[in-house]
Amino acid sequence: MSPRVFLSIEKAISAACGMTGLFGYVGATLSGVGLAYITASFGWMAMYGVCAVSSILCLILVLMTYKKEKGHS
């Protein structure tokens, strides 16, 4: 491979890491603000309900991804 290919791979990896960090910080900020609003407006049970529903949704999405990955092995 030419040096140009290695340089583009390094740039792609750097960009992916940077975007992961950016979305992680933005997501953490928005989730803190969102959960604070839900807790203040609807109470603690609503906050726990939102966390439970989002956890179940994430589990479903991970299982869908796992099933597709396992099929390509």
N, C-alpha and C. Protein backbone atom coordinates (compact mmCIF):
# COMPACT_ATOMS: atom_id res chain seq x y z
N MET A 1 0.84 -1.19 0.00
CA MET A 1 0.00 0.00 0.00
C MET A 1 0.88 1.24 0.00
N SER A 2 0.36 2.24 -0.61
CA SER A 2 1.12 3.49 -0.67
C SER A 2 0.96 4.26 0.63
N PRO A 3 1.91 5.17 0.91
CA PRO A 3 1.80 5.99 2.12
C PRO A 3 0.52 6.82 2.17
N ARG A 4 0.01 7.16 0.99
CA ARG A 4 -1.21 7.97 0.92
C ARG A 4 -2.40 7.20 1.50
N VAL A 5 -2.43 5.89 1.26
CA VAL A 5 -3.52 5.07 1.79
C VAL A 5 -3.45 5.02 3.31
N PHE A 6 -2.24 4.83 3.86
CA PHE A 6 -2.08 4.80 5.31
C PHE A 6 -2.47 6.12 5.94
N LEU A 7 -2.14 7.23 5.28
CA LEU A 7 -2.49 8.54 5.80
C LEU A 7 -4.00 8.72 5.81
N SER A 8 -4.68 8.26 4.76
CA SER A 8 -6.14 8.41 4.73
C SER A 8 -6.80 7.51 5.77
N ILE A 9 -6.23 6.33 6.03
CA ILE A 9 -6.78 5.46 7.05
C ILE A 9 -6.63 6.10 8.43
N GLU A 10 -5.47 6.70 8.69
CA GLU A 10 -5.26 7.37 9.97
C GLU A 10 -6.20 8.54 10.15
N LYS A 11 -6.45 9.28 9.07
CA LYS A 11 -7.39 10.40 9.15
C LYS A 11 -8.80 9.91 9.42
N ALA A 12 -9.17 8.80 8.78
CA ALA A 12 -10.52 8.25 8.99
C ALA A 12 -10.68 7.78 10.43
N ILE A 13 -9.65 7.13 10.97
CA ILE A 13 -9.72 6.66 12.36
C ILE A 13 -9.81 7.85 13.30
N SER A 14 -9.02 8.88 13.04
CA SER A 14 -9.07 10.07 13.89
C SER A 14 -10.43 10.75 13.84
N ALA A 15 -10.99 10.83 12.64
CA ALA A 15 -12.31 11.45 12.50
C ALA A 15 -13.38 10.63 13.23
N ALA A 16 -13.31 9.31 13.13
CA ALA A 16 -14.28 8.46 13.81
C ALA A 16 -14.17 8.60 15.32
N CYS A 17 -12.95 8.64 15.83
CA CYS A 17 -12.77 8.81 17.28
C CYS A 17 -13.28 10.18 17.74
N GLY A 18 -13.00 11.20 16.96
CA GLY A 18 -13.46 12.55 17.30
C GLY A 18 -14.98 12.65 17.31
N MET A 19 -15.61 12.05 16.31
CA MET A 19 -17.07 12.10 16.25
C MET A 19 -17.69 11.29 17.38
N THR A 20 -17.09 10.15 17.73
CA THR A 20 -17.59 9.36 18.85
C THR A 20 -17.54 10.17 20.14
N GLY A 21 -16.43 10.86 20.37
CA GLY A 21 -16.31 11.69 21.56
C GLY A 21 -17.32 12.84 21.56
N LEU A 22 -17.46 13.49 20.40
CA LEU A 22 -18.41 14.61 20.29
C LEU A 22 -19.83 14.16 20.63
N PHE A 23 -20.28 13.08 19.99
CA PHE A 23 -21.64 12.63 20.22
C PHE A 23 -21.81 12.09 21.63
N GLY A 24 -20.76 11.55 22.21
CA GLY A 24 -20.83 11.10 23.60
C GLY A 24 -21.06 12.26 24.55
N TYR A 25 -20.30 13.34 24.37
CA TYR A 25 -20.46 14.51 25.24
C TYR A 25 -21.81 15.19 25.02
N VAL A 26 -22.23 15.33 23.76
CA VAL A 26 -23.53 15.96 23.48
C VAL A 26 -24.66 15.11 24.05
N GLY A 27 -24.57 13.79 23.87
CA GLY A 27 -25.60 12.89 24.39
C GLY A 27 -25.68 12.94 25.91
N ALA A 28 -24.52 12.98 26.57
CA ALA A 28 -24.52 13.05 28.03
C ALA A 28 -25.14 14.36 28.51
N THR A 29 -24.82 15.44 27.83
CA THR A 29 -25.39 16.74 28.21
C THR A 29 -26.90 16.76 28.02
N LEU A 30 -27.35 16.31 26.86
CA LEU A 30 -28.78 16.33 26.58
C LEU A 30 -29.55 15.37 27.47
N SER A 31 -28.97 14.22 27.77
CA SER A 31 -29.69 13.28 28.63
C SER A 31 -29.80 13.83 30.05
N GLY A 32 -28.77 14.52 30.52
CA GLY A 32 -28.85 15.12 31.85
C GLY A 32 -29.93 16.18 31.92
N VAL A 33 -29.99 17.03 30.91
CA VAL A 33 -31.01 18.08 30.88
C VAL A 33 -32.40 17.46 30.72
N GLY A 34 -32.51 16.48 29.83
CA GLY A 34 -33.81 15.84 29.59
C GLY A 34 -34.33 15.11 30.82
N LEU A 35 -33.45 14.34 31.47
CA LEU A 35 -33.90 13.61 32.66
C LEU A 35 -34.21 14.56 33.81
N ALA A 36 -33.48 15.66 33.91
CA ALA A 36 -33.79 16.65 34.95
C ALA A 36 -35.17 17.27 34.70
N TYR A 37 -35.48 17.56 33.45
CA TYR A 37 -36.80 18.11 33.12
C TYR A 37 -37.91 17.11 33.44
N ILE A 38 -37.71 15.85 33.05
CA ILE A 38 -38.72 14.82 33.31
C ILE A 38 -38.91 14.63 34.82
N THR A 39 -37.82 14.62 35.56
CA THR A 39 -37.91 14.44 37.02
C THR A 39 -38.63 15.61 37.67
N ALA A 40 -38.30 16.84 37.25
CA ALA A 40 -38.92 18.02 37.84
C ALA A 40 -40.40 18.13 37.47
N SER A 41 -40.74 17.72 36.25
CA SER A 41 -42.12 17.88 35.79
C SER A 41 -43.03 16.73 36.21
N PHE A 42 -42.51 15.51 36.16
CA PHE A 42 -43.38 14.34 36.34
C PHE A 42 -43.02 13.46 37.53
N GLY A 43 -41.89 13.70 38.16
CA GLY A 43 -41.50 12.92 39.33
C GLY A 43 -40.48 11.83 39.02
N TRP A 44 -40.03 11.20 40.12
CA TRP A 44 -38.98 10.20 40.01
C TRP A 44 -39.45 8.94 39.29
N MET A 45 -40.68 8.55 39.48
CA MET A 45 -41.17 7.33 38.82
C MET A 45 -41.16 7.48 37.31
N ALA A 46 -41.47 8.67 36.82
CA ALA A 46 -41.42 8.90 35.38
C ALA A 46 -39.98 8.81 34.87
N MET A 47 -39.04 9.33 35.65
CA MET A 47 -37.63 9.25 35.25
C MET A 47 -37.18 7.80 35.18
N TYR A 48 -37.54 7.00 36.19
CA TYR A 48 -37.18 5.58 36.17
C TYR A 48 -37.87 4.85 35.02
N GLY A 49 -39.09 5.24 34.71
CA GLY A 49 -39.80 4.65 33.57
C GLY A 49 -39.12 4.95 32.25
N VAL A 50 -38.69 6.19 32.08
CA VAL A 50 -37.99 6.57 30.85
C VAL A 50 -36.68 5.80 30.73
N CYS A 51 -35.96 5.66 31.84
CA CYS A 51 -34.70 4.90 31.82
C CYS A 51 -34.96 3.44 31.48
N ALA A 52 -36.02 2.86 32.03
CA ALA A 52 -36.34 1.46 31.75
C ALA A 52 -36.73 1.26 30.29
N VAL A 53 -37.56 2.14 29.76
CA VAL A 53 -37.98 2.03 28.36
C VAL A 53 -36.79 2.20 27.42
N SER A 54 -35.92 3.16 27.71
CA SER A 54 -34.76 3.37 26.84
C SER A 54 -33.80 2.19 26.93
N SER A 55 -33.68 1.56 28.09
CA SER A 55 -32.83 0.38 28.22
C SER A 55 -33.37 -0.78 27.41
N ILE A 56 -34.66 -0.98 27.45
CA ILE A 56 -35.28 -2.05 26.67
C ILE A 56 -35.11 -1.78 25.18
N LEU A 57 -35.30 -0.54 24.75
CA LEU A 57 -35.11 -0.18 23.35
C LEU A 57 -33.67 -0.43 22.91
N CYS A 58 -32.72 -0.06 23.74
CA CYS A 58 -31.31 -0.30 23.42
C CYS A 58 -31.01 -1.79 23.33
N LEU A 59 -31.59 -2.58 24.22
CA LEU A 59 -31.40 -4.02 24.17
C LEU A 59 -31.93 -4.60 22.87
N ILE A 60 -33.08 -4.15 22.44
CA ILE A 60 -33.67 -4.62 21.18
C ILE A 60 -32.75 -4.27 20.01
N LEU A 61 -32.24 -3.04 19.99
CA LEU A 61 -31.36 -2.63 18.90
C LEU A 61 -30.05 -3.42 18.89
N VAL A 62 -29.50 -3.68 20.07
CA VAL A 62 -28.27 -4.48 20.15
C VAL A 62 -28.53 -5.90 19.67
N LEU A 63 -29.65 -6.48 20.07
CA LEU A 63 -29.97 -7.84 19.62
C LEU A 63 -30.17 -7.92 18.11
N MET A 64 -30.75 -6.89 17.52
CA MET A 64 -30.90 -6.85 16.06
C MET A 64 -29.54 -6.80 15.39
N THR A 65 -28.65 -6.00 15.92
CA THR A 65 -27.30 -5.90 15.36
C THR A 65 -26.54 -7.20 15.55
N TYR A 66 -26.66 -7.80 16.72
CA TYR A 66 -25.97 -9.05 17.00
C TYR A 66 -26.42 -10.15 16.06
N LYS A 67 -27.71 -10.19 15.80
CA LYS A 67 -28.26 -11.21 14.90
C LYS A 67 -27.69 -11.05 13.50
N LYS A 68 -27.59 -9.81 13.02
CA LYS A 68 -27.03 -9.57 11.68
C LYS A 68 -25.54 -9.90 11.66
N GLU A 69 -24.80 -9.54 12.69
CA GLU A 69 -23.36 -9.83 12.75
C GLU A 69 -23.13 -11.33 12.79
N LYS A 70 -23.92 -12.04 13.55
CA LYS A 70 -23.75 -13.48 13.69
C LYS A 70 -24.02 -14.18 12.36
N GLY A 71 -24.92 -13.65 11.58
CA GLY A 71 -25.25 -14.25 10.28
C GLY A 71 -24.14 -14.09 9.25
N HIS A 72 -23.28 -13.11 9.42
CA HIS A 72 -22.19 -12.86 8.46
C HIS A 72 -20.89 -13.54 8.83
N SER A 73 -20.87 -14.32 9.90
CA SER A 73 -19.63 -14.95 10.35
C SER A 73 -19.18 -16.03 9.39
